[in-house]
């Protein structure tokens, strides 16, 4: 399956939890995922890479209203 924004949004809208690498998406796309996860009450696990700073991670947490799990583990 292609990791397109449309495919991921469709999964979230169906209530299917996903694990995402932050480096694969722009902040605006991650924000949309967080918004949909909140409205669909579906959890996201976000593996945070170097493309996000602390303030951006906190903003995604606020948008998702508790439906996001932050993974800070190494991706190696």
PDB file of N, CA and C in Angstrom:
ATOM      1  N   UNK A   1       0.841  -1.180   0.000  1.00  0.00           N
ATOM      2  CA  UNK A   1       0.000   0.000   0.000  1.00  0.00           C
ATOM      3  C   UNK A   1       0.885   1.242   0.000  1.00  0.00           C
ATOM      4  N   UNK A   2       0.515   2.200  -0.782  1.00  0.00           N
ATOM      5  CA  UNK A   2       1.235   3.464  -0.828  1.00  0.00           C
ATOM      6  C   UNK A   2       0.886   4.285   0.414  1.00  0.00           C
ATOM      7  N   UNK A   3       1.908   4.875   1.047  1.00  0.00           N
ATOM      8  CA  UNK A   3       1.688   5.693   2.237  1.00  0.00           C
ATOM      9  C   UNK A   3       1.291   7.118   1.833  1.00  0.00           C
ATOM     10  N   UNK A   4       0.186   7.237   1.142  1.00  0.00           N
ATOM     11  CA  UNK A   4      -0.266   8.567   0.733  1.00  0.00           C
ATOM     12  C   UNK A   4      -1.129   9.174   1.834  1.00  0.00           C
ATOM     13  N   UNK A   5      -1.215  10.468   1.810  1.00  0.00           N
ATOM     14  CA  UNK A   5      -2.045  11.181   2.783  1.00  0.00           C
ATOM     15  C   UNK A   5      -3.486  10.705   2.682  1.00  0.00           C
ATOM     16  N   UNK A   6      -3.985  10.539   1.481  1.00  0.00           N
ATOM     17  CA  UNK A   6      -5.372  10.122   1.279  1.00  0.00           C
ATOM     18  C   UNK A   6      -5.630   8.738   1.875  1.00  0.00           C
ATOM     19  N   UNK A   7      -4.696   7.807   1.665  1.00  0.00           N
ATOM     20  CA  UNK A   7      -4.857   6.458   2.205  1.00  0.00           C
ATOM     21  C   UNK A   7      -4.853   6.455   3.731  1.00  0.00           C
ATOM     22  N   UNK A   8      -3.956   7.232   4.304  1.00  0.00           N
ATOM     23  CA  UNK A   8      -3.875   7.290   5.765  1.00  0.00           C
ATOM     24  C   UNK A   8      -5.120   7.943   6.350  1.00  0.00           C
ATOM     25  N   UNK A   9      -5.598   9.007   5.736  1.00  0.00           N
ATOM     26  CA  UNK A   9      -6.829   9.646   6.210  1.00  0.00           C
ATOM     27  C   UNK A   9      -8.007   8.681   6.132  1.00  0.00           C
ATOM     28  N   UNK A  10      -8.078   7.892   5.077  1.00  0.00           N
ATOM     29  CA  UNK A  10      -9.162   6.909   4.935  1.00  0.00           C
ATOM     30  C   UNK A  10      -9.100   5.872   6.052  1.00  0.00           C
ATOM     31  N   UNK A  11      -7.905   5.402   6.377  1.00  0.00           N
ATOM     32  CA  UNK A  11      -7.758   4.435   7.466  1.00  0.00           C
ATOM     33  C   UNK A  11      -8.211   5.038   8.795  1.00  0.00           C
ATOM     34  N   UNK A  12      -7.767   6.256   9.066  1.00  0.00           N
ATOM     35  CA  UNK A  12      -8.142   6.907  10.323  1.00  0.00           C
ATOM     36  C   UNK A  12      -9.646   7.130  10.411  1.00  0.00           C
ATOM     37  N   UNK A  13     -10.259   7.533   9.323  1.00  0.00           N
ATOM     38  CA  UNK A  13     -11.712   7.756   9.323  1.00  0.00           C
ATOM     39  C   UNK A  13     -12.485   6.467   9.571  1.00  0.00           C
ATOM     40  N   UNK A  14     -11.901   5.323   9.200  1.00  0.00           N
ATOM     41  CA  UNK A  14     -12.521   4.015   9.429  1.00  0.00           C
ATOM     42  C   UNK A  14     -12.231   3.494  10.842  1.00  0.00           C
ATOM     43  N   UNK A  15     -11.460   4.257  11.632  1.00  0.00           N
ATOM     44  CA  UNK A  15     -11.159   3.843  12.996  1.00  0.00           C
ATOM     45  C   UNK A  15      -9.999   2.883  13.114  1.00  0.00           C
ATOM     46  N   UNK A  16      -9.142   2.855  12.113  1.00  0.00           N
ATOM     47  CA  UNK A  16      -7.998   1.946  12.111  1.00  0.00           C
ATOM     48  C   UNK A  16      -6.762   2.698  12.596  1.00  0.00           C
ATOM     49  N   UNK A  17      -6.190   2.289  13.740  1.00  0.00           N
ATOM     50  CA  UNK A  17      -4.991   2.965  14.259  1.00  0.00           C
ATOM     51  C   UNK A  17      -3.810   2.793  13.307  1.00  0.00           C
ATOM     52  N   UNK A  18      -2.956   3.783  13.253  1.00  0.00           N
ATOM     53  CA  UNK A  18      -1.779   3.732  12.385  1.00  0.00           C
ATOM     54  C   UNK A  18      -0.531   4.162  13.150  1.00  0.00           C
ATOM     55  N   UNK A  19       0.604   3.714  12.645  1.00  0.00           N
ATOM     56  CA  UNK A  19       1.913   4.153  13.132  1.00  0.00           C
ATOM     57  C   UNK A  19       2.558   4.917  11.995  1.00  0.00           C
ATOM     58  N   UNK A  20       2.989   6.143  12.292  1.00  0.00           N
ATOM     59  CA  UNK A  20       3.535   7.023  11.260  1.00  0.00           C
ATOM     60  C   UNK A  20       4.937   7.486  11.627  1.00  0.00           C
ATOM     61  N   UNK A  21       5.781   7.640  10.624  1.00  0.00           N
ATOM     62  CA  UNK A  21       7.102   8.249  10.782  1.00  0.00           C
ATOM     63  C   UNK A  21       6.955   9.732  10.454  1.00  0.00           C
ATOM     64  N   UNK A  22       7.304  10.588  11.386  1.00  0.00           N
ATOM     65  CA  UNK A  22       7.107  12.024  11.145  1.00  0.00           C
ATOM     66  C   UNK A  22       7.897  12.518   9.937  1.00  0.00           C
ATOM     67  N   UNK A  23       9.052  11.915   9.686  1.00  0.00           N
ATOM     68  CA  UNK A  23       9.889  12.347   8.558  1.00  0.00           C
ATOM     69  C   UNK A  23       9.244  12.124   7.199  1.00  0.00           C
ATOM     70  N   UNK A  24       8.217  11.292   7.149  1.00  0.00           N
ATOM     71  CA  UNK A  24       7.564  10.977   5.873  1.00  0.00           C
ATOM     72  C   UNK A  24       6.525  12.015   5.453  1.00  0.00           C
ATOM     73  N   UNK A  25       6.211  12.978   6.358  1.00  0.00           N
ATOM     74  CA  UNK A  25       5.107  13.909   6.103  1.00  0.00           C
ATOM     75  C   UNK A  25       5.471  15.330   6.514  1.00  0.00           C
ATOM     76  N   UNK A  26       4.802  16.290   5.880  1.00  0.00           N
ATOM     77  CA  UNK A  26       4.925  17.692   6.290  1.00  0.00           C
ATOM     78  C   UNK A  26       4.115  17.899   7.557  1.00  0.00           C
ATOM     79  N   UNK A  27       4.445  18.963   8.295  1.00  0.00           N
ATOM     80  CA  UNK A  27       3.730  19.260   9.535  1.00  0.00           C
ATOM     81  C   UNK A  27       2.238  19.462   9.269  1.00  0.00           C
ATOM     82  N   UNK A  28       1.891  20.099   8.173  1.00  0.00           N
ATOM     83  CA  UNK A  28       0.473  20.335   7.858  1.00  0.00           C
ATOM     84  C   UNK A  28      -0.270  19.009   7.679  1.00  0.00           C
ATOM     85  N   UNK A  29       0.383  18.024   7.083  1.00  0.00           N
ATOM     86  CA  UNK A  29      -0.241  16.709   6.915  1.00  0.00           C
ATOM     87  C   UNK A  29      -0.385  16.005   8.258  1.00  0.00           C
ATOM     88  N   UNK A  30       0.647  16.093   9.094  1.00  0.00           N
ATOM     89  CA  UNK A  30       0.578  15.500  10.422  1.00  0.00           C
ATOM     90  C   UNK A  30      -0.534  16.146  11.253  1.00  0.00           C
ATOM     91  N   UNK A  31      -0.717  17.450  11.084  1.00  0.00           N
ATOM     92  CA  UNK A  31      -1.791  18.153  11.790  1.00  0.00           C
ATOM     93  C   UNK A  31      -3.157  17.640  11.358  1.00  0.00           C
ATOM     94  N   UNK A  32      -3.316  17.382  10.078  1.00  0.00           N
ATOM     95  CA  UNK A  32      -4.576  16.844   9.569  1.00  0.00           C
ATOM     96  C   UNK A  32      -4.811  15.434  10.121  1.00  0.00           C
ATOM     97  N   UNK A  33      -3.778  14.618  10.183  1.00  0.00           N
ATOM     98  CA  UNK A  33      -3.908  13.285  10.776  1.00  0.00           C
ATOM     99  C   UNK A  33      -4.343  13.397  12.240  1.00  0.00           C
ATOM    100  N   UNK A  34      -3.735  14.321  12.970  1.00  0.00           N
ATOM    101  CA  UNK A  34      -4.075  14.501  14.384  1.00  0.00           C
ATOM    102  C   UNK A  34      -5.524  14.962  14.534  1.00  0.00           C
ATOM    103  N   UNK A  35      -5.974  15.850  13.665  1.00  0.00           N
ATOM    104  CA  UNK A  35      -7.353  16.345  13.729  1.00  0.00           C
ATOM    105  C   UNK A  35      -8.345  15.207  13.457  1.00  0.00           C
ATOM    106  N   UNK A  36      -8.071  14.417  12.447  1.00  0.00           N
ATOM    107  CA  UNK A  36      -8.959  13.302  12.116  1.00  0.00           C
ATOM    108  C   UNK A  36      -8.924  12.246  13.217  1.00  0.00           C
ATOM    109  N   UNK A  37      -7.753  11.998  13.790  1.00  0.00           N
ATOM    110  CA  UNK A  37      -7.667  11.007  14.870  1.00  0.00           C
ATOM    111  C   UNK A  37      -8.539  11.418  16.048  1.00  0.00           C
ATOM    112  N   UNK A  38      -8.580  12.700  16.322  1.00  0.00           N
ATOM    113  CA  UNK A  38      -9.420  13.191  17.414  1.00  0.00           C
ATOM    114  C   UNK A  38     -10.900  13.023  17.091  1.00  0.00           C
ATOM    115  N   UNK A  39     -11.304  13.437  15.910  1.00  0.00           N
ATOM    116  CA  UNK A  39     -12.728  13.370  15.566  1.00  0.00           C
ATOM    117  C   UNK A  39     -13.206  11.931  15.382  1.00  0.00           C
ATOM    118  N   UNK A  40     -12.324  11.034  14.924  1.00  0.00           N
ATOM    119  CA  UNK A  40     -12.697   9.634  14.743  1.00  0.00           C
ATOM    120  C   UNK A  40     -12.395   8.790  15.983  1.00  0.00           C
ATOM    121  N   UNK A  41     -11.792   9.428  16.996  1.00  0.00           N
ATOM    122  CA  UNK A  41     -11.390   8.738  18.230  1.00  0.00           C
ATOM    123  C   UNK A  41     -10.539   7.508  17.911  1.00  0.00           C
ATOM    124  N   UNK A  42      -9.558   7.728  17.057  1.00  0.00           N
ATOM    125  CA  UNK A  42      -8.646   6.682  16.603  1.00  0.00           C
ATOM    126  C   UNK A  42      -7.223   7.088  16.952  1.00  0.00           C
ATOM    127  N   UNK A  43      -6.472   6.169  17.546  1.00  0.00           N
ATOM    128  CA  UNK A  43      -5.121   6.496  17.981  1.00  0.00           C
ATOM    129  C   UNK A  43      -4.108   6.450  16.841  1.00  0.00           C
ATOM    130  N   UNK A  44      -3.147   7.341  16.956  1.00  0.00           N
ATOM    131  CA  UNK A  44      -1.986   7.397  16.067  1.00  0.00           C
ATOM    132  C   UNK A  44      -0.755   7.208  16.942  1.00  0.00           C
ATOM    133  N   UNK A  45       0.195   6.445  16.451  1.00  0.00           N
ATOM    134  CA  UNK A  45       1.523   6.413  17.067  1.00  0.00           C
ATOM    135  C   UNK A  45       2.447   7.157  16.118  1.00  0.00           C
ATOM    136  N   UNK A  46       3.078   8.197  16.627  1.00  0.00           N
ATOM    137  CA  UNK A  46       3.965   9.019  15.809  1.00  0.00           C
ATOM    138  C   UNK A  46       5.404   8.787  16.242  1.00  0.00           C
ATOM    139  N   UNK A  47       6.195   8.223  15.340  1.00  0.00           N
ATOM    140  CA  UNK A  47       7.619   8.044  15.572  1.00  0.00           C
ATOM    141  C   UNK A  47       8.281   9.354  15.154  1.00  0.00           C
ATOM    142  N   UNK A  48       8.772  10.084  16.138  1.00  0.00           N
ATOM    143  CA  UNK A  48       9.268  11.444  15.901  1.00  0.00           C
ATOM    144  C   UNK A  48      10.698  11.406  15.382  1.00  0.00           C
ATOM    145  N   UNK A  49      10.887  12.075  14.254  1.00  0.00           N
ATOM    146  CA  UNK A  49      12.212  12.219  13.657  1.00  0.00           C
ATOM    147  C   UNK A  49      12.746  13.622  13.861  1.00  0.00           C
ATOM    148  N   UNK A  50      13.765  13.952  13.111  1.00  0.00           N
ATOM    149  CA  UNK A  50      14.432  15.246  13.242  1.00  0.00           C
ATOM    150  C   UNK A  50      13.664  16.402  12.622  1.00  0.00           C
ATOM    151  N   UNK A  51      12.571  16.115  11.925  1.00  0.00           N
ATOM    152  CA  UNK A  51      11.849  17.186  11.239  1.00  0.00           C
ATOM    153  C   UNK A  51      10.908  17.964  12.154  1.00  0.00           C
ATOM    154  N   UNK A  52      10.694  17.485  13.379  1.00  0.00           N
ATOM    155  CA  UNK A  52       9.789  18.175  14.303  1.00  0.00           C
ATOM    156  C   UNK A  52      10.543  18.693  15.519  1.00  0.00           C
ATOM    157  N   UNK A  53      10.136  19.865  15.989  1.00  0.00           N
ATOM    158  CA  UNK A  53      10.686  20.362  17.239  1.00  0.00           C
ATOM    159  C   UNK A  53       9.670  20.119  18.358  1.00  0.00           C
ATOM    160  N   UNK A  54      10.050  20.428  19.589  1.00  0.00           N
ATOM    161  CA  UNK A  54       9.198  20.157  20.736  1.00  0.00           C
ATOM    162  C   UNK A  54       7.855  20.879  20.627  1.00  0.00           C
ATOM    163  N   UNK A  55       7.865  22.120  20.220  1.00  0.00           N
ATOM    164  CA  UNK A  55       6.619  22.890  20.106  1.00  0.00           C
ATOM    165  C   UNK A  55       5.664  22.258  19.096  1.00  0.00           C
ATOM    166  N   UNK A  56       6.185  21.767  17.998  1.00  0.00           N
ATOM    167  CA  UNK A  56       5.340  21.119  16.984  1.00  0.00           C
ATOM    168  C   UNK A  56       4.748  19.807  17.516  1.00  0.00           C
ATOM    169  N   UNK A  57       5.553  19.030  18.237  1.00  0.00           N
ATOM    170  CA  UNK A  57       5.042  17.791  18.836  1.00  0.00           C
ATOM    171  C   UNK A  57       3.923  18.120  19.823  1.00  0.00           C
ATOM    172  N   UNK A  58       4.131  19.141  20.635  1.00  0.00           N
ATOM    173  CA  UNK A  58       3.100  19.540  21.597  1.00  0.00           C
ATOM    174  C   UNK A  58       1.837  20.011  20.890  1.00  0.00           C
ATOM    175  N   UNK A  59       1.979  20.722  19.794  1.00  0.00           N
ATOM    176  CA  UNK A  59       0.806  21.171  19.042  1.00  0.00           C
ATOM    177  C   UNK A  59       0.030  19.980  18.480  1.00  0.00           C
ATOM    178  N   UNK A  60       0.733  18.985  17.966  1.00  0.00           N
ATOM    179  CA  UNK A  60       0.063  17.778  17.470  1.00  0.00           C
ATOM    180  C   UNK A  60      -0.664  17.062  18.607  1.00  0.00           C
ATOM    181  N   UNK A  61      -0.051  17.031  19.778  1.00  0.00           N
ATOM    182  CA  UNK A  61      -0.705  16.424  20.945  1.00  0.00           C
ATOM    183  C   UNK A  61      -1.983  17.182  21.298  1.00  0.00           C
ATOM    184  N   UNK A  62      -1.932  18.486  21.270  1.00  0.00           N
ATOM    185  CA  UNK A  62      -3.115  19.298  21.573  1.00  0.00           C
ATOM    186  C   UNK A  62      -4.222  19.088  20.543  1.00  0.00           C
ATOM    187  N   UNK A  63      -3.856  19.017  19.287  1.00  0.00           N
ATOM    188  CA  UNK A  63      -4.841  18.827  18.217  1.00  0.00           C
ATOM    189  C   UNK A  63      -5.525  17.468  18.350  1.00  0.00           C
ATOM    190  N   UNK A  64      -4.766  16.442  18.721  1.00  0.00           N
ATOM    191  CA  UNK A  64      -5.301  15.076  18.750  1.00  0.00           C
ATOM    192  C   UNK A  64      -6.135  14.781  19.995  1.00  0.00           C
ATOM    193  N   UNK A  65      -6.085  15.650  20.991  1.00  0.00           N
ATOM    194  CA  UNK A  65      -6.872  15.468  22.224  1.00  0.00           C
ATOM    195  C   UNK A  65      -6.693  14.077  22.831  1.00  0.00           C
ATOM    196  N   UNK A  66      -5.432  13.659  22.964  1.00  0.00           N
ATOM    197  CA  UNK A  66      -5.133  12.390  23.622  1.00  0.00           C
ATOM    198  C   UNK A  66      -5.134  11.168  22.736  1.00  0.00           C
ATOM    199  N   UNK A  67      -5.297  11.348  21.446  1.00  0.00           N
ATOM    200  CA  UNK A  67      -5.332  10.210  20.529  1.00  0.00           C
ATOM    201  C   UNK A  67      -4.021  10.038  19.774  1.00  0.00           C
ATOM    202  N   UNK A  68      -2.930  10.499  20.369  1.00  0.00           N
ATOM    203  CA  UNK A  68      -1.622  10.341  19.740  1.00  0.00           C
ATOM    204  C   UNK A  68      -0.654   9.784  20.780  1.00  0.00           C
ATOM    205  N   UNK A  69       0.152   8.841  20.346  1.00  0.00           N
ATOM    206  CA  UNK A  69       1.219   8.277  21.162  1.00  0.00           C
ATOM    207  C   UNK A  69       2.524   8.712  20.517  1.00  0.00           C
ATOM    208  N   UNK A  70       3.424   9.238  21.322  1.00  0.00           N
ATOM    209  CA  UNK A  70       4.695   9.731  20.811  1.00  0.00           C
ATOM    210  C   UNK A  70       5.770   8.689  21.066  1.00  0.00           C
ATOM    211  N   UNK A  71       6.454   8.284  20.007  1.00  0.00           N
ATOM    212  CA  UNK A  71       7.530   7.310  20.093  1.00  0.00           C
ATOM    213  C   UNK A  71       8.842   8.056  19.834  1.00  0.00           C
ATOM    214  N   UNK A  72       9.687   8.105  20.847  1.00  0.00           N
ATOM    215  CA  UNK A  72      10.967   8.797  20.734  1.00  0.00           C
ATOM    216  C   UNK A  72      12.127   7.824  20.563  1.00  0.00           C
ATOM    217  N   UNK A  73      11.828   6.569  20.352  1.00  0.00           N
ATOM    218  CA  UNK A  73      12.888   5.568  20.218  1.00  0.00           C
ATOM    219  C   UNK A  73      13.638   5.754  18.909  1.00  0.00           C
ATOM    220  N   UNK A  74      14.805   5.235  18.855  1.00  0.00           N
ATOM    221  CA  UNK A  74      15.636   5.330  17.661  1.00  0.00           C
ATOM    222  C   UNK A  74      15.041   4.503  16.537  1.00  0.00           C
ATOM    223  N   UNK A  75      15.167   4.978  15.300  1.00  0.00           N
ATOM    224  CA  UNK A  75      14.647   4.259  14.130  1.00  0.00           C
ATOM    225  C   UNK A  75      15.719   3.412  13.473  1.00  0.00           C
ATOM    226  N   UNK A  76      16.866   3.250  14.088  1.00  0.00           N
ATOM    227  CA  UNK A  76      17.948   2.475  13.453  1.00  0.00           C
ATOM    228  C   UNK A  76      17.820   1.015  13.717  1.00  0.00           C
TER     229      UNK A  76
END
